[in-house]
Protein backbone atom coordinates (compact mmCIF):
# COMPACT_ATOMS: atom_id res chain seq x y z
CA UNK A 1 152.82 13.10 0.29
CA UNK A 2 153.32 15.25 -2.80
CA UNK A 3 153.54 18.35 -0.59
CA UNK A 4 156.24 16.75 1.56
CA UNK A 5 158.19 15.56 -1.46
CA UNK A 6 157.89 19.00 -3.00
CA UNK A 7 159.44 20.59 0.06
CA UNK A 8 162.26 18.05 0.20
CA UNK A 9 163.04 18.37 -3.49
CA UNK A 10 163.04 22.15 -3.20
CA UNK A 11 165.48 21.97 -0.29
CA UNK A 12 167.68 19.72 -2.44
CA UNK A 13 167.59 22.40 -5.17
CA UNK A 14 165.65 20.21 -7.62
CA UNK A 15 163.21 23.01 -8.26
CA UNK A 16 161.58 21.59 -11.36
CA UNK A 17 160.72 18.31 -9.63
CA UNK A 18 159.60 20.23 -6.54
CA UNK A 19 157.17 22.32 -8.54
CA UNK A 20 155.89 19.20 -10.30
CA UNK A 21 155.14 17.65 -6.90
CA UNK A 22 153.45 20.83 -5.66
CA UNK A 23 151.25 21.04 -8.73
CA UNK A 24 150.37 17.38 -8.36
CA UNK A 25 149.41 17.99 -4.72
CA UNK A 26 147.18 20.90 -5.76
CA UNK A 27 145.57 18.82 -8.51
CA UNK A 28 144.78 16.02 -6.06
CA UNK A 29 143.32 18.47 -3.58
CA UNK A 30 141.22 20.14 -6.28
CA UNK A 31 139.92 16.71 -7.35
CA UNK A 32 138.88 16.00 -3.76
CA UNK A 33 137.13 19.36 -3.50
CA UNK A 34 135.25 18.67 -6.75
CA UNK A 35 134.30 15.16 -5.64
CA UNK A 36 132.89 16.29 -2.28
CA UNK A 37 131.85 19.94 -2.71
CA UNK A 38 129.89 20.00 0.55
CA UNK A 39 133.09 19.52 2.58
CA UNK A 40 134.44 23.06 2.92
CA UNK A 41 137.41 21.76 4.89
CA UNK A 42 138.76 20.07 1.79
CA UNK A 43 138.95 23.45 0.07
CA UNK A 44 140.63 24.94 3.13
CA UNK A 45 143.33 22.28 2.81
CA UNK A 46 144.52 24.09 -0.30
CA UNK A 47 145.60 27.05 1.84
CA UNK A 48 148.93 25.66 3.11
CA UNK A 49 149.73 23.97 -0.20
CA UNK A 50 149.23 27.15 -2.23
CA UNK A 51 151.05 29.19 0.41
CA UNK A 52 154.02 26.82 0.29
CA UNK A 53 154.04 26.98 -3.50
CA UNK A 54 154.02 30.77 -3.35
CA UNK A 55 156.89 30.77 -0.83
CA UNK A 56 158.94 28.55 -3.12
CA UNK A 57 158.38 30.94 -6.02
CA UNK A 58 159.32 33.87 -3.77
CA UNK A 59 162.55 32.12 -2.80
CA UNK A 60 163.41 32.02 -6.52
CA UNK A 61 162.19 35.59 -7.08
CA UNK A 62 159.46 34.33 -9.42
CA UNK A 63 157.02 37.04 -8.45
CA UNK A 64 154.21 36.49 -11.01
CA UNK A 65 153.88 32.81 -10.08
CA UNK A 66 154.13 33.60 -6.38
CA UNK A 67 151.45 36.26 -6.72
CA UNK A 68 149.04 33.89 -8.43
CA UNK A 69 149.45 31.16 -5.81
CA UNK A 70 149.33 33.43 -2.75
CA UNK A 71 146.32 35.35 -4.06
CA UNK A 72 144.33 32.13 -4.48
CA UNK A 73 145.39 31.03 -1.00
CA UNK A 74 144.31 34.43 0.39
CA UNK A 75 140.90 34.18 -1.25
CA UNK A 76 140.34 30.77 0.31
CA UNK A 77 141.67 31.94 3.70
CA UNK A 78 139.35 34.94 3.60
CA UNK A 79 136.40 32.57 3.12
CA UNK A 80 137.09 30.41 6.19
CA UNK A 81 133.99 30.21 8.38
CA UNK A 82 134.33 30.63 12.14
CA UNK A 83 133.06 27.20 13.11
CA UNK A 84 134.46 24.48 15.36
CA UNK A 85 137.40 23.86 13.01
CA UNK A 86 138.34 27.55 12.80
CA UNK A 87 141.14 27.45 15.42
CA UNK A 88 142.96 24.69 13.56
CA UNK A 89 142.84 26.78 10.36
CA UNK A 90 144.49 29.81 12.00
CA UNK A 91 148.13 28.72 11.46
CA UNK A 92 147.55 28.16 7.74
CA UNK A 93 145.72 31.45 7.42
CA UNK A 94 148.51 33.25 9.29
CA UNK A 95 151.03 31.66 6.93
CA UNK A 96 149.16 33.00 3.90
CA UNK A 97 149.26 36.53 5.27
CA UNK A 98 152.95 36.13 6.15
CA UNK A 99 153.61 34.98 2.58
CA UNK A 100 151.63 37.97 1.28
CA UNK A 101 153.87 40.16 3.42
CA UNK A 102 156.94 38.58 1.84
CA UNK A 103 155.44 39.07 -1.62
CA UNK A 104 154.75 42.76 -1.00
CA UNK A 105 158.17 43.25 0.61
CA UNK A 106 159.83 41.87 -2.52
CA UNK A 107 157.58 44.00 -4.72
CA UNK A 108 158.26 47.06 -2.51
CA UNK A 109 154.57 48.01 -2.53
CA UNK A 110 154.57 49.40 1.00
CA UNK A 111 151.88 46.88 2.06
CA UNK A 112 154.11 44.24 3.66
CA UNK A 113 153.68 45.56 7.21
CA UNK A 114 149.89 45.32 6.95
CA UNK A 115 150.04 41.64 5.92
CA UNK A 116 152.58 40.81 8.61
CA UNK A 117 150.36 42.51 11.21
CA UNK A 118 147.37 40.49 10.02
CA UNK A 119 149.46 37.32 10.31
CA UNK A 120 150.45 38.22 13.88
CA UNK A 121 146.83 38.93 14.81
CA UNK A 122 145.81 35.46 13.64
CA UNK A 123 148.70 33.89 15.54
CA UNK A 124 147.59 35.80 18.66
CA UNK A 125 144.08 34.47 18.15
CA UNK A 126 145.48 30.96 17.75
CA UNK A 127 147.42 31.42 20.99
CA UNK A 128 144.20 32.26 22.83
CA UNK A 129 142.70 28.95 21.69
CA UNK A 130 145.01 27.06 24.03
CA UNK A 131 147.77 26.05 21.64
CA UNK A 132 151.04 25.30 23.46
CA UNK A 133 153.49 28.22 23.31
CA UNK A 134 156.15 25.95 21.81
CA UNK A 135 154.01 25.66 18.66
CA UNK A 136 153.26 29.35 18.56
CA UNK A 137 156.48 31.11 19.48
CA UNK A 138 158.66 30.14 16.50
CA UNK A 139 155.95 31.23 14.08
CA UNK A 140 155.42 34.51 15.91
CA UNK A 141 159.14 35.22 15.97
CA UNK A 142 159.47 34.72 12.21
CA UNK A 143 156.63 37.17 11.54
CA UNK A 144 157.86 39.68 14.15
CA UNK A 145 161.32 39.72 12.54
CA UNK A 146 159.84 40.30 9.10
CA UNK A 147 157.60 43.04 10.47
CA UNK A 148 160.56 44.78 12.12
CA UNK A 149 162.47 44.76 8.82
CA UNK A 150 159.52 45.77 6.63
CA UNK A 151 159.23 49.26 5.22
């Protein structure tokens, strides 16, 4: 709920309240991870929350905060095990790499294209898992556009 409220508040330009909600969502998720450390999936649930937080910071050109959030999300995404739940993690992982692409594009590091390509590869993998094209195509298009514009 905090994640949803954070997104709504951000869209309404109440950035301070949005960030409060996002940090509350992360705190709740971290508490769950600490309470049940054997459930790796709970840790993986931080991926979209941290990625969304990073995207919000990027929208406001707050690069240090965006970098911190997206780097933690990337570390978690890189630790995802290829088990039965792996296909359902692919969209969140792809989003992290897309957000990393945005981060590097804004920083002008020359690495944006690599992150966008990694995002597309994960979306392609997700597509092979049988996901309906309607769920996949909008995400792919967003990443393809960013890749085409990246330097």
